[in-house]
Protein backbone atom coordinates (compact mmCIF):
# COMPACT_ATOMS: atom_id res chain seq x y z
CA UNK A 1 -45.48 17.22 -50.40
CA UNK A 2 -41.85 16.75 -49.36
CA UNK A 3 -39.33 16.39 -52.16
CA UNK A 4 -36.47 13.93 -51.64
CA UNK A 5 -33.17 13.45 -53.42
CA UNK A 6 -32.96 10.00 -54.94
CA UNK A 7 -29.78 8.65 -56.47
CA UNK A 8 -29.83 5.69 -58.83
CA UNK A 9 -26.98 3.21 -59.35
CA UNK A 10 -27.68 1.23 -62.52
CA UNK A 11 -25.34 -1.49 -63.72
CA UNK A 12 -25.37 -3.33 -67.03
CA UNK A 13 -22.88 -5.88 -68.21
CA UNK A 14 -22.13 -7.75 -71.39
CA UNK A 15 -20.00 -10.85 -71.85
CA UNK A 16 -18.72 -11.58 -75.36
CA UNK A 17 -17.37 -15.08 -76.01
CA UNK A 18 -14.97 -15.67 -78.91
CA UNK A 19 -13.25 -18.82 -80.15
CA UNK A 20 -10.10 -16.89 -81.11
CA UNK A 21 -7.31 -16.04 -78.62
CA UNK A 22 -6.58 -12.39 -77.78
CA UNK A 23 -3.41 -13.60 -76.04
CA UNK A 24 -1.56 -13.47 -79.36
CA UNK A 25 -2.02 -9.68 -79.51
CA UNK A 26 1.03 -7.89 -78.13
CA UNK A 27 -0.02 -4.21 -78.20
CA UNK A 28 -3.13 -2.32 -77.07
CA UNK A 29 -3.76 -1.45 -80.72
CA UNK A 30 -3.67 -5.11 -81.74
CA UNK A 31 -6.09 -5.96 -78.92
CA UNK A 32 -8.52 -3.23 -80.07
CA UNK A 33 -8.29 -4.53 -83.63
CA UNK A 34 -8.88 -8.11 -82.43
CA UNK A 35 -12.04 -7.11 -80.53
CA UNK A 36 -13.32 -5.09 -83.48
CA UNK A 37 -12.64 -7.77 -86.10
CA UNK A 38 -13.61 -11.04 -84.41
CA UNK A 39 -17.23 -12.01 -84.06
CA UNK A 40 -18.45 -13.41 -80.73
CA UNK A 41 -20.15 -16.80 -80.91
CA UNK A 42 -22.27 -15.83 -77.88
CA UNK A 43 -23.17 -12.57 -76.14
CA UNK A 44 -24.74 -12.53 -72.68
CA UNK A 45 -26.25 -9.41 -71.14
CA UNK A 46 -27.36 -8.70 -67.61
CA UNK A 47 -28.18 -6.00 -65.11
CA UNK A 48 -27.79 -5.11 -61.47
CA UNK A 49 -25.15 -5.97 -58.89
CA UNK A 50 -24.32 -5.41 -55.25
CA UNK A 51 -22.41 -2.26 -54.35
CA UNK A 52 -19.97 -3.29 -51.61
CA UNK A 53 -19.57 -1.30 -48.38
CA UNK A 54 -15.79 -1.16 -48.88
CA UNK A 55 -16.35 0.19 -52.40
CA UNK A 56 -18.72 2.88 -51.12
CA UNK A 57 -16.18 3.99 -48.50
CA UNK A 58 -13.44 4.07 -51.15
CA UNK A 59 -15.56 6.27 -53.43
CA UNK A 60 -16.10 8.76 -50.59
CA UNK A 61 -12.36 8.67 -49.75
CA UNK A 62 -11.55 9.40 -53.40
CA UNK A 63 -14.00 12.31 -53.46
CA UNK A 64 -12.53 13.98 -50.37
CA UNK A 65 -8.92 13.24 -51.32
CA UNK A 66 -8.19 10.67 -48.60
CA UNK A 67 -7.33 7.96 -51.14
CA UNK A 68 -4.96 7.75 -54.07
CA UNK A 69 -6.37 4.38 -55.18
CA UNK A 70 -7.83 5.52 -58.48
CA UNK A 71 -9.69 3.14 -60.74
CA UNK A 72 -7.63 4.19 -63.78
CA UNK A 73 -6.52 2.07 -66.74
CA UNK A 74 -3.27 1.01 -65.07
CA UNK A 75 -4.87 -0.21 -61.85
CA UNK A 76 -8.53 -1.10 -62.43
CA UNK A 77 -9.29 -4.79 -62.88
CA UNK A 78 -12.24 -7.05 -63.43
CA UNK A 79 -12.18 -10.27 -61.44
CA UNK A 80 -14.13 -13.43 -62.19
CA UNK A 81 -14.62 -16.49 -60.04
CA UNK A 82 -16.61 -19.67 -59.63
CA UNK A 83 -18.44 -19.02 -56.34
CA UNK A 84 -22.22 -18.82 -56.42
CA UNK A 85 -22.47 -17.46 -52.87
CA UNK A 86 -25.15 -14.77 -52.85
CA UNK A 87 -23.81 -11.22 -53.07
CA UNK A 88 -23.90 -9.15 -49.87
CA UNK A 89 -22.77 -5.59 -49.20
CA UNK A 90 -20.42 -6.68 -46.38
CA UNK A 91 -18.33 -8.85 -48.76
CA UNK A 92 -15.01 -7.38 -49.86
CA UNK A 93 -14.01 -9.48 -52.87
CA UNK A 94 -14.80 -12.52 -54.99
CA UNK A 95 -15.96 -15.42 -52.85
CA UNK A 96 -14.24 -18.17 -54.88
CA UNK A 97 -11.69 -20.15 -52.86
CA UNK A 98 -9.23 -20.77 -55.70
CA UNK A 99 -10.78 -20.33 -59.14
CA UNK A 100 -10.52 -16.55 -59.46
CA UNK A 101 -8.69 -14.35 -61.95
CA UNK A 102 -8.24 -10.56 -62.17
CA UNK A 103 -7.37 -8.90 -65.48
CA UNK A 104 -6.59 -5.30 -66.29
CA UNK A 105 -8.46 -2.96 -68.56
CA UNK A 106 -8.45 -2.89 -72.33
CA UNK A 107 -7.05 0.29 -73.91
CA UNK A 108 -9.27 3.38 -73.36
CA UNK A 109 -10.99 1.80 -70.32
CA UNK A 110 -12.28 2.74 -67.89
CA UNK A 111 -14.00 5.61 -69.65
CA UNK A 112 -16.52 8.19 -68.47
CA UNK A 113 -19.22 9.99 -70.47
CA UNK A 114 -22.65 11.36 -69.57
CA UNK A 115 -22.76 10.01 -66.00
CA UNK A 116 -21.65 6.53 -67.14
CA UNK A 117 -18.39 4.76 -66.36
CA UNK A 118 -17.40 1.72 -68.41
CA UNK A 119 -14.90 -1.01 -67.49
CA UNK A 120 -13.73 -3.69 -69.94
CA UNK A 121 -11.33 -6.62 -69.56
CA UNK A 122 -10.55 -9.66 -71.71
CA UNK A 123 -9.52 -13.13 -70.60
CA UNK A 124 -7.39 -15.07 -73.12
CA UNK A 125 -7.33 -18.81 -73.83
CA UNK A 126 -5.12 -19.75 -70.87
CA UNK A 127 -6.91 -17.53 -68.33
CA UNK A 128 -9.95 -18.12 -66.10
CA UNK A 129 -10.83 -21.52 -67.56
CA UNK A 130 -13.54 -22.59 -65.15
CA UNK A 131 -17.19 -21.85 -64.34
CA UNK A 132 -17.89 -18.11 -64.23
CA UNK A 133 -20.45 -17.44 -61.48
CA UNK A 134 -19.32 -14.07 -60.13
CA UNK A 135 -17.49 -10.88 -61.05
CA UNK A 136 -16.14 -7.76 -59.35
CA UNK A 137 -14.50 -4.47 -60.27
CA UNK A 138 -11.33 -4.16 -58.18
CA UNK A 139 -8.61 -1.57 -57.68
CA UNK A 140 -5.36 -3.53 -58.04
CA UNK A 141 -3.17 -1.57 -55.60
CA UNK A 142 -5.53 -1.52 -52.62
CA UNK A 143 -7.47 -4.64 -53.72
CA UNK A 144 -10.69 -2.81 -52.81
CA UNK A 145 -13.69 -4.05 -54.76
CA UNK A 146 -16.36 -1.63 -55.85
CA UNK A 147 -19.14 -4.12 -56.46
CA UNK A 148 -19.96 -7.79 -56.93
CA UNK A 149 -22.39 -9.69 -59.14
CA UNK A 150 -23.41 -13.33 -58.98
CA UNK A 151 -24.69 -14.77 -62.26
CA UNK A 152 -24.10 -18.04 -64.10
CA UNK A 153 -22.19 -16.96 -67.22
CA UNK A 154 -20.99 -20.37 -68.40
CA UNK A 155 -17.82 -22.45 -68.32
CA UNK A 156 -14.78 -21.06 -70.13
CA UNK A 157 -12.43 -23.69 -71.56
CA UNK A 158 -10.60 -21.72 -74.27
CA UNK A 159 -10.90 -18.67 -76.51
CA UNK A 160 -11.39 -15.09 -75.36
CA UNK A 161 -14.13 -13.90 -73.06
CA UNK A 162 -14.53 -10.12 -72.75
CA UNK A 163 -16.59 -8.62 -69.94
CA UNK A 164 -17.76 -5.00 -70.14
CA UNK A 165 -19.51 -3.36 -67.21
CA UNK A 166 -21.23 0.02 -67.28
CA UNK A 167 -22.38 1.92 -64.22
CA UNK A 168 -24.75 4.87 -64.50
CA UNK A 169 -25.28 7.32 -61.63
CA UNK A 170 -28.27 9.59 -61.86
């Protein structure tokens, strides 16, 4: 019997919805305290996504040193939009025409431990107030998106919505 190498890309995400506004927090420490001390009124969880061809190429370029577009705290973002166009590997970004917003990482994100990378961004009261049907992880300098997910997450009108995405490679 022939043995084959099989890699697994497993994505989980969690959206926490809060009535309170994280926008009033001025420091990373205040934002961490806000997230720890406010209780979400709704938590949605999901799995899977579409790894984008441009994201795959960027990962290989990072591995061989041909790219300086790191997905670090200062330049990794999560984008949300209102398009419900099915995800496809050839796409390069959110598919929303106008309702799309990209926010940077919370303090300590992204983080890596035990083959898992975690990304987390919050959207305050005045941000991304529309239907959330899609999300991406994007490098802000190059604007290269790693992946895309289409899922109906609800309509944001106020408060703070925090999206955390974990990717496991095994």
